[in-house]
Amino acid sequence: MNKSHQYVVFTIDRNRFALRLSAVKRVVRMVQLSPVAEAPRLIAGMINVQGELLPVVDMRRRFQMAERALSINDQLIIATARGRGLALIVDAVIGVIEESDERVTAAGDVLSGMRSVDRMLKTEDGIVLLHDLESLELEWPISTEFVR
């Protein structure tokens, strides 16, 4: 019997990506980011969510996509990776899907060397690239000492 998992599906440009639902706390609208001096390249800034300072990851940079100015229509996925909170900038969150493991293919079986996508999900309306937040190459914890 195949196991199934739930995923939060989001878009960046016309590409669909997903995270395991278990890693996602909530989705919120874009807010103003506080810049962080000397932050890793993937970090667009910091936000304060109920007293917790969270680094904000620019997923366009993560997936090596063309950058664009942030929009009030963008969304932030508040999630957990390696036991730490973070926020991810995405264009839009589509929703939650549940799929069986038999529809999932290891990304390395299709294209070798893919670091930002570890699996691919075959759905009725196309392919969704699955991202493992644990693979983010960030130094933890990110110091909030430099938040302006």
N, C-alpha and C. Protein backbone atom coordinates (compact mmCIF):
# COMPACT_ATOMS: atom_id res chain seq x y z
N MET A 1 0.85 -1.19 0.00
CA MET A 1 0.00 0.00 0.00
C MET A 1 0.88 1.24 0.00
N ASN A 2 0.58 2.15 -0.89
CA ASN A 2 1.38 3.36 -1.00
C ASN A 2 0.95 4.39 0.02
N LYS A 3 1.94 5.06 0.56
CA LYS A 3 1.71 6.13 1.51
C LYS A 3 1.40 7.41 0.73
N SER A 4 0.63 8.30 1.33
CA SER A 4 0.38 9.58 0.68
C SER A 4 0.81 10.69 1.63
N HIS A 5 1.09 11.85 1.03
CA HIS A 5 1.52 13.02 1.77
C HIS A 5 0.74 14.23 1.28
N GLN A 6 0.63 15.22 2.16
CA GLN A 6 -0.01 16.48 1.79
C GLN A 6 1.07 17.52 1.51
N TYR A 7 0.82 18.34 0.49
CA TYR A 7 1.76 19.36 0.06
C TYR A 7 1.06 20.69 -0.11
N VAL A 8 1.77 21.77 0.24
CA VAL A 8 1.30 23.13 -0.04
C VAL A 8 1.92 23.52 -1.38
N VAL A 9 1.08 23.81 -2.35
CA VAL A 9 1.54 24.14 -3.71
C VAL A 9 1.56 25.65 -3.87
N PHE A 10 2.68 26.15 -4.41
CA PHE A 10 2.81 27.59 -4.66
C PHE A 10 3.41 27.82 -6.02
N THR A 11 3.28 29.06 -6.49
CA THR A 11 3.82 29.40 -7.81
C THR A 11 4.88 30.48 -7.69
N ILE A 12 5.80 30.42 -8.63
CA ILE A 12 6.75 31.48 -8.89
C ILE A 12 6.80 31.57 -10.41
N ASP A 13 6.42 32.71 -10.93
CA ASP A 13 6.16 32.87 -12.36
C ASP A 13 5.11 31.82 -12.73
N ARG A 14 5.36 31.01 -13.72
CA ARG A 14 4.37 29.99 -14.10
C ARG A 14 4.77 28.60 -13.61
N ASN A 15 5.77 28.55 -12.77
CA ASN A 15 6.25 27.27 -12.25
C ASN A 15 5.54 26.93 -10.95
N ARG A 16 5.22 25.64 -10.78
CA ARG A 16 4.57 25.18 -9.56
C ARG A 16 5.56 24.39 -8.71
N PHE A 17 5.61 24.75 -7.45
CA PHE A 17 6.47 24.10 -6.48
C PHE A 17 5.62 23.67 -5.30
N ALA A 18 6.18 22.83 -4.44
CA ALA A 18 5.42 22.42 -3.25
C ALA A 18 6.36 22.12 -2.10
N LEU A 19 5.81 22.26 -0.90
CA LEU A 19 6.48 21.90 0.35
C LEU A 19 5.57 20.93 1.08
N ARG A 20 6.15 20.07 1.87
CA ARG A 20 5.32 19.21 2.71
C ARG A 20 4.51 20.08 3.66
N LEU A 21 3.25 19.78 3.78
CA LEU A 21 2.36 20.54 4.65
C LEU A 21 2.87 20.56 6.09
N SER A 22 3.50 19.49 6.51
CA SER A 22 4.00 19.40 7.89
C SER A 22 5.06 20.45 8.20
N ALA A 23 5.71 21.03 7.18
CA ALA A 23 6.73 22.05 7.39
C ALA A 23 6.15 23.46 7.41
N VAL A 24 4.88 23.61 7.03
CA VAL A 24 4.25 24.92 6.87
C VAL A 24 3.39 25.24 8.09
N LYS A 25 3.61 26.45 8.64
CA LYS A 25 2.79 26.92 9.76
C LYS A 25 1.56 27.68 9.27
N ARG A 26 1.79 28.61 8.32
CA ARG A 26 0.69 29.41 7.77
C ARG A 26 1.19 30.20 6.57
N VAL A 27 0.24 30.86 5.92
CA VAL A 27 0.53 31.71 4.76
C VAL A 27 -0.03 33.09 5.08
N VAL A 28 0.79 34.12 4.82
CA VAL A 28 0.36 35.50 5.07
C VAL A 28 0.68 36.36 3.86
N ARG A 29 0.04 37.52 3.81
CA ARG A 29 0.33 38.48 2.74
C ARG A 29 1.70 39.10 2.96
N MET A 30 2.27 39.61 1.90
CA MET A 30 3.57 40.26 1.97
C MET A 30 3.51 41.45 2.91
N VAL A 31 4.58 41.63 3.67
CA VAL A 31 4.73 42.77 4.56
C VAL A 31 6.07 43.42 4.25
N GLN A 32 6.30 44.58 4.82
CA GLN A 32 7.58 45.25 4.62
C GLN A 32 8.68 44.45 5.32
N LEU A 33 9.78 44.26 4.62
CA LEU A 33 10.91 43.51 5.16
C LEU A 33 11.93 44.46 5.76
N SER A 34 12.54 44.04 6.84
CA SER A 34 13.66 44.81 7.43
C SER A 34 14.94 44.26 6.82
N PRO A 35 15.77 45.13 6.23
CA PRO A 35 17.03 44.65 5.65
C PRO A 35 17.97 44.13 6.73
N VAL A 36 18.84 43.23 6.34
CA VAL A 36 19.82 42.66 7.25
C VAL A 36 21.20 42.81 6.61
N ALA A 37 22.09 43.53 7.31
CA ALA A 37 23.45 43.73 6.80
C ALA A 37 24.16 42.38 6.77
N GLU A 38 24.92 42.15 5.73
CA GLU A 38 25.76 40.97 5.58
C GLU A 38 24.98 39.65 5.65
N ALA A 39 23.73 39.67 5.21
CA ALA A 39 22.93 38.45 5.20
C ALA A 39 23.37 37.54 4.05
N PRO A 40 23.14 36.24 4.19
CA PRO A 40 23.40 35.34 3.06
C PRO A 40 22.59 35.78 1.85
N ARG A 41 23.04 35.42 0.67
CA ARG A 41 22.44 35.85 -0.59
C ARG A 41 20.95 35.53 -0.68
N LEU A 42 20.52 34.42 -0.14
CA LEU A 42 19.12 34.02 -0.25
C LEU A 42 18.18 34.84 0.63
N ILE A 43 18.72 35.55 1.61
CA ILE A 43 17.90 36.28 2.57
C ILE A 43 17.55 37.67 2.04
N ALA A 44 16.25 37.93 1.91
CA ALA A 44 15.77 39.23 1.43
C ALA A 44 15.58 40.22 2.56
N GLY A 45 15.52 39.72 3.79
CA GLY A 45 15.31 40.58 4.95
C GLY A 45 14.78 39.76 6.11
N MET A 46 14.21 40.46 7.10
CA MET A 46 13.65 39.81 8.28
C MET A 46 12.25 40.36 8.52
N ILE A 47 11.42 39.56 9.18
CA ILE A 47 10.11 40.02 9.62
C ILE A 47 9.90 39.59 11.06
N ASN A 48 8.98 40.27 11.73
CA ASN A 48 8.63 39.95 13.09
C ASN A 48 7.23 39.32 13.06
N VAL A 49 7.15 38.05 13.45
CA VAL A 49 5.87 37.35 13.49
C VAL A 49 5.58 36.98 14.93
N GLN A 50 4.68 37.70 15.53
CA GLN A 50 4.28 37.48 16.93
C GLN A 50 5.49 37.40 17.85
N GLY A 51 6.42 38.35 17.68
CA GLY A 51 7.58 38.44 18.54
C GLY A 51 8.76 37.58 18.13
N GLU A 52 8.60 36.76 17.10
CA GLU A 52 9.69 35.92 16.61
C GLU A 52 10.27 36.54 15.34
N LEU A 53 11.58 36.83 15.34
CA LEU A 53 12.23 37.36 14.14
C LEU A 53 12.55 36.21 13.20
N LEU A 54 12.05 36.34 11.98
CA LEU A 54 12.23 35.28 10.98
C LEU A 54 13.00 35.79 9.78
N PRO A 55 14.00 35.02 9.32
CA PRO A 55 14.64 35.37 8.06
C PRO A 55 13.66 35.10 6.92
N VAL A 56 13.71 35.96 5.90
CA VAL A 56 12.83 35.82 4.75
C VAL A 56 13.67 35.38 3.55
N VAL A 57 13.36 34.20 3.04
CA VAL A 57 14.11 33.62 1.93
C VAL A 57 13.45 34.02 0.62
N ASP A 58 14.24 34.56 -0.29
CA ASP A 58 13.77 34.90 -1.63
C ASP A 58 13.82 33.62 -2.46
N MET A 59 12.66 33.02 -2.71
CA MET A 59 12.63 31.74 -3.42
C MET A 59 13.03 31.88 -4.89
N ARG A 60 12.92 33.08 -5.46
CA ARG A 60 13.41 33.28 -6.82
C ARG A 60 14.93 33.07 -6.85
N ARG A 61 15.62 33.59 -5.85
CA ARG A 61 17.06 33.37 -5.77
C ARG A 61 17.36 31.90 -5.52
N ARG A 62 16.57 31.29 -4.66
CA ARG A 62 16.77 29.87 -4.33
C ARG A 62 16.70 29.00 -5.58
N PHE A 63 15.74 29.28 -6.44
CA PHE A 63 15.55 28.48 -7.65
C PHE A 63 16.27 29.07 -8.86
N GLN A 64 17.11 30.08 -8.63
CA GLN A 64 17.90 30.72 -9.69
C GLN A 64 17.02 31.24 -10.82
N MET A 65 15.94 31.93 -10.43
CA MET A 65 15.02 32.51 -11.40
C MET A 65 15.25 34.02 -11.47
N ALA A 66 14.72 34.64 -12.51
CA ALA A 66 14.87 36.08 -12.68
C ALA A 66 14.24 36.81 -11.49
N GLU A 67 14.97 37.76 -10.94
CA GLU A 67 14.46 38.52 -9.81
C GLU A 67 13.53 39.61 -10.30
N ARG A 68 12.64 40.03 -9.43
CA ARG A 68 11.73 41.14 -9.72
C ARG A 68 11.43 41.84 -8.41
N ALA A 69 10.90 43.05 -8.52
CA ALA A 69 10.55 43.81 -7.31
C ALA A 69 9.43 43.09 -6.56
N LEU A 70 9.48 43.18 -5.24
CA LEU A 70 8.43 42.58 -4.43
C LEU A 70 7.12 43.32 -4.66
N SER A 71 6.02 42.59 -4.52
CA SER A 71 4.70 43.15 -4.74
C SER A 71 3.83 42.91 -3.51
N ILE A 72 2.89 43.79 -3.29
CA ILE A 72 1.95 43.59 -2.19
C ILE A 72 1.10 42.35 -2.42
N ASN A 73 1.05 41.86 -3.66
CA ASN A 73 0.29 40.65 -3.99
C ASN A 73 1.08 39.37 -3.70
N ASP A 74 2.37 39.50 -3.44
CA ASP A 74 3.17 38.31 -3.10
C ASP A 74 2.70 37.75 -1.76
N GLN A 75 3.08 36.52 -1.50
CA GLN A 75 2.72 35.90 -0.24
C GLN A 75 3.96 35.36 0.46
N LEU A 76 3.85 35.21 1.77
CA LEU A 76 4.91 34.63 2.58
C LEU A 76 4.42 33.32 3.17
N ILE A 77 5.18 32.27 2.95
CA ILE A 77 4.89 31.00 3.59
C ILE A 77 5.74 30.95 4.85
N ILE A 78 5.09 30.90 6.00
CA ILE A 78 5.81 30.78 7.26
C ILE A 78 5.99 29.29 7.51
N ALA A 79 7.24 28.88 7.64
CA ALA A 79 7.54 27.45 7.71
C ALA A 79 8.64 27.18 8.74
N THR A 80 8.99 25.92 8.86
CA THR A 80 10.04 25.49 9.77
C THR A 80 11.03 24.63 9.00
N ALA A 81 12.32 24.89 9.22
CA ALA A 81 13.39 24.07 8.65
C ALA A 81 14.46 23.91 9.71
N ARG A 82 14.87 22.70 9.93
CA ARG A 82 15.89 22.40 10.95
C ARG A 82 15.50 22.95 12.32
N GLY A 83 14.21 22.92 12.61
CA GLY A 83 13.73 23.38 13.90
C GLY A 83 13.66 24.89 14.04
N ARG A 84 13.92 25.62 12.99
CA ARG A 84 13.90 27.09 13.02
C ARG A 84 12.82 27.64 12.11
N GLY A 85 12.23 28.76 12.52
CA GLY A 85 11.22 29.41 11.70
C GLY A 85 11.85 30.24 10.59
N LEU A 86 11.16 30.34 9.47
CA LEU A 86 11.57 31.19 8.37
C LEU A 86 10.36 31.50 7.53
N ALA A 87 10.49 32.50 6.66
CA ALA A 87 9.42 32.88 5.75
C ALA A 87 9.96 32.78 4.33
N LEU A 88 9.11 32.35 3.42
CA LEU A 88 9.51 32.17 2.02
C LEU A 88 8.65 33.09 1.15
N ILE A 89 9.29 33.88 0.30
CA ILE A 89 8.56 34.75 -0.62
C ILE A 89 8.15 33.93 -1.84
N VAL A 90 6.84 33.91 -2.12
CA VAL A 90 6.31 33.24 -3.31
C VAL A 90 5.31 34.16 -3.98
N ASP A 91 5.02 33.88 -5.25
CA ASP A 91 4.04 34.70 -5.96
C ASP A 91 2.64 34.46 -5.41
N ALA A 92 2.27 33.19 -5.29
CA ALA A 92 0.93 32.84 -4.80
C ALA A 92 0.93 31.41 -4.28
N VAL A 93 0.08 31.17 -3.29
CA VAL A 93 -0.14 29.82 -2.80
C VAL A 93 -1.43 29.33 -3.43
N ILE A 94 -1.36 28.20 -4.10
CA ILE A 94 -2.52 27.65 -4.81
C ILE A 94 -3.42 26.88 -3.86
N GLY A 95 -2.82 26.08 -3.00
CA GLY A 95 -3.63 25.30 -2.07
C GLY A 95 -2.87 24.08 -1.58
N VAL A 96 -3.60 23.15 -1.02
CA VAL A 96 -3.03 21.92 -0.48
C VAL A 96 -3.53 20.74 -1.31
N ILE A 97 -2.61 19.85 -1.65
CA ILE A 97 -2.97 18.63 -2.37
C ILE A 97 -2.47 17.43 -1.59
N GLU A 98 -3.08 16.30 -1.82
CA GLU A 98 -2.61 15.05 -1.23
C GLU A 98 -2.33 14.08 -2.37
N GLU A 99 -1.13 13.54 -2.37
CA GLU A 99 -0.72 12.64 -3.44
C GLU A 99 -0.01 11.43 -2.86
N SER A 100 -0.10 10.32 -3.55
CA SER A 100 0.57 9.09 -3.12
C SER A 100 2.03 9.11 -3.55
N ASP A 101 2.83 8.37 -2.82
CA ASP A 101 4.26 8.29 -3.13
C ASP A 101 4.53 7.73 -4.52
N GLU A 102 3.61 6.97 -5.06
CA GLU A 102 3.83 6.39 -6.39
C GLU A 102 3.87 7.45 -7.48
N ARG A 103 3.35 8.63 -7.21
CA ARG A 103 3.37 9.73 -8.19
C ARG A 103 4.63 10.60 -8.05
N VAL A 104 5.49 10.26 -7.09
CA VAL A 104 6.68 11.07 -6.82
C VAL A 104 7.91 10.38 -7.42
N THR A 105 8.73 11.19 -8.10
CA THR A 105 9.97 10.70 -8.70
C THR A 105 11.13 11.51 -8.14
N ALA A 106 12.21 10.86 -7.80
CA ALA A 106 13.41 11.57 -7.33
C ALA A 106 13.92 12.45 -8.46
N ALA A 107 14.23 13.70 -8.14
CA ALA A 107 14.71 14.65 -9.17
C ALA A 107 15.98 14.14 -9.84
N GLY A 108 16.86 13.50 -9.08
CA GLY A 108 18.11 12.98 -9.63
C GLY A 108 17.89 11.90 -10.67
N ASP A 109 16.74 11.23 -10.63
CA ASP A 109 16.42 10.22 -11.64
C ASP A 109 16.06 10.85 -12.97
N VAL A 110 15.68 12.13 -12.94
CA VAL A 110 15.28 12.84 -14.16
C VAL A 110 16.43 13.72 -14.64
N LEU A 111 16.99 14.53 -13.75
CA LEU A 111 18.11 15.41 -14.06
C LEU A 111 19.10 15.36 -12.90
N SER A 112 20.32 15.04 -13.19
CA SER A 112 21.31 15.00 -12.12
C SER A 112 21.75 16.42 -11.74
N GLY A 113 22.18 16.58 -10.51
CA GLY A 113 22.71 17.86 -10.06
C GLY A 113 21.69 18.88 -9.61
N MET A 114 20.43 18.50 -9.51
CA MET A 114 19.42 19.46 -9.04
C MET A 114 19.53 19.57 -7.53
N ARG A 115 19.86 20.77 -7.04
CA ARG A 115 20.05 20.96 -5.59
C ARG A 115 18.84 21.56 -4.91
N SER A 116 18.07 22.39 -5.61
CA SER A 116 16.96 23.06 -4.97
C SER A 116 15.65 22.28 -5.04
N VAL A 117 15.61 21.27 -5.88
CA VAL A 117 14.43 20.41 -6.01
C VAL A 117 14.88 18.98 -5.77
N ASP A 118 14.22 18.30 -4.82
CA ASP A 118 14.67 16.94 -4.56
C ASP A 118 13.74 15.87 -5.13
N ARG A 119 12.50 16.24 -5.40
CA ARG A 119 11.56 15.29 -5.99
C ARG A 119 10.61 16.01 -6.93
N MET A 120 9.97 15.23 -7.80
CA MET A 120 8.99 15.77 -8.73
C MET A 120 7.70 14.99 -8.57
N LEU A 121 6.59 15.73 -8.56
CA LEU A 121 5.29 15.12 -8.38
C LEU A 121 4.51 15.21 -9.68
N LYS A 122 4.04 14.07 -10.16
CA LYS A 122 3.24 14.04 -11.38
C LYS A 122 1.77 14.15 -10.98
N THR A 123 1.12 15.25 -11.40
CA THR A 123 -0.30 15.44 -11.11
C THR A 123 -1.07 15.38 -12.42
N GLU A 124 -2.38 15.40 -12.31
CA GLU A 124 -3.22 15.35 -13.50
C GLU A 124 -3.02 16.55 -14.41
N ASP A 125 -2.65 17.70 -13.83
CA ASP A 125 -2.48 18.90 -14.65
C ASP A 125 -1.03 19.36 -14.75
N GLY A 126 -0.09 18.43 -14.62
CA GLY A 126 1.31 18.78 -14.85
C GLY A 126 2.24 18.30 -13.76
N ILE A 127 3.40 18.92 -13.72
CA ILE A 127 4.45 18.53 -12.78
C ILE A 127 4.58 19.61 -11.71
N VAL A 128 4.75 19.16 -10.48
CA VAL A 128 5.01 20.05 -9.35
C VAL A 128 6.37 19.67 -8.81
N LEU A 129 7.25 20.66 -8.66
CA LEU A 129 8.59 20.41 -8.14
C LEU A 129 8.57 20.50 -6.62
N LEU A 130 8.99 19.44 -5.95
CA LEU A 130 8.95 19.38 -4.49
C LEU A 130 10.27 19.86 -3.91
N HIS A 131 10.16 20.75 -2.96
CA HIS A 131 11.34 21.35 -2.35
C HIS A 131 11.46 20.90 -0.90
N ASP A 132 12.64 20.48 -0.51
CA ASP A 132 12.91 20.07 0.86
C ASP A 132 13.58 21.24 1.57
N LEU A 133 12.88 21.85 2.52
CA LEU A 133 13.43 23.01 3.22
C LEU A 133 14.70 22.68 3.99
N GLU A 134 14.86 21.43 4.37
CA GLU A 134 16.07 21.04 5.12
C GLU A 134 17.32 21.21 4.27
N SER A 135 17.17 21.31 2.95
CA SER A 135 18.33 21.46 2.07
C SER A 135 18.78 22.91 1.90
N LEU A 136 18.06 23.85 2.50
CA LEU A 136 18.46 25.26 2.40
C LEU A 136 19.86 25.43 2.98
N GLU A 137 20.70 26.09 2.27
CA GLU A 137 22.08 26.29 2.71
C GLU A 137 22.22 27.63 3.42
N LEU A 138 21.68 27.69 4.63
CA LEU A 138 21.75 28.89 5.44
C LEU A 138 22.53 28.57 6.70
N GLU A 139 23.18 29.59 7.22
CA GLU A 139 23.85 29.42 8.50
C GLU A 139 22.82 29.67 9.58
N TRP A 140 22.60 28.71 10.44
CA TRP A 140 21.61 28.81 11.51
C TRP A 140 22.29 28.98 12.83
N PRO A 141 21.84 29.80 13.74
CA PRO A 141 20.78 30.76 13.48
C PRO A 141 21.35 31.99 12.78
N ILE A 142 20.50 32.65 12.03
CA ILE A 142 20.89 33.92 11.42
C ILE A 142 20.81 34.96 12.51
N SER A 143 21.89 35.68 12.69
CA SER A 143 21.94 36.67 13.77
C SER A 143 20.98 37.82 13.45
N THR A 144 20.22 38.22 14.46
CA THR A 144 19.33 39.37 14.30
C THR A 144 19.99 40.64 14.79
N GLU A 145 21.23 40.54 15.17
CA GLU A 145 21.98 41.66 15.70
C GLU A 145 22.10 42.79 14.68
N PHE A 146 22.08 42.47 13.39
CA PHE A 146 22.32 43.48 12.35
C PHE A 146 21.03 44.00 11.73
N VAL A 147 19.88 43.63 12.26
CA VAL A 147 18.61 44.10 11.68
C VAL A 147 18.52 45.61 11.89
N ARG A 148 18.24 46.31 10.80
CA ARG A 148 18.13 47.78 10.86
C ARG A 148 16.75 48.20 11.26
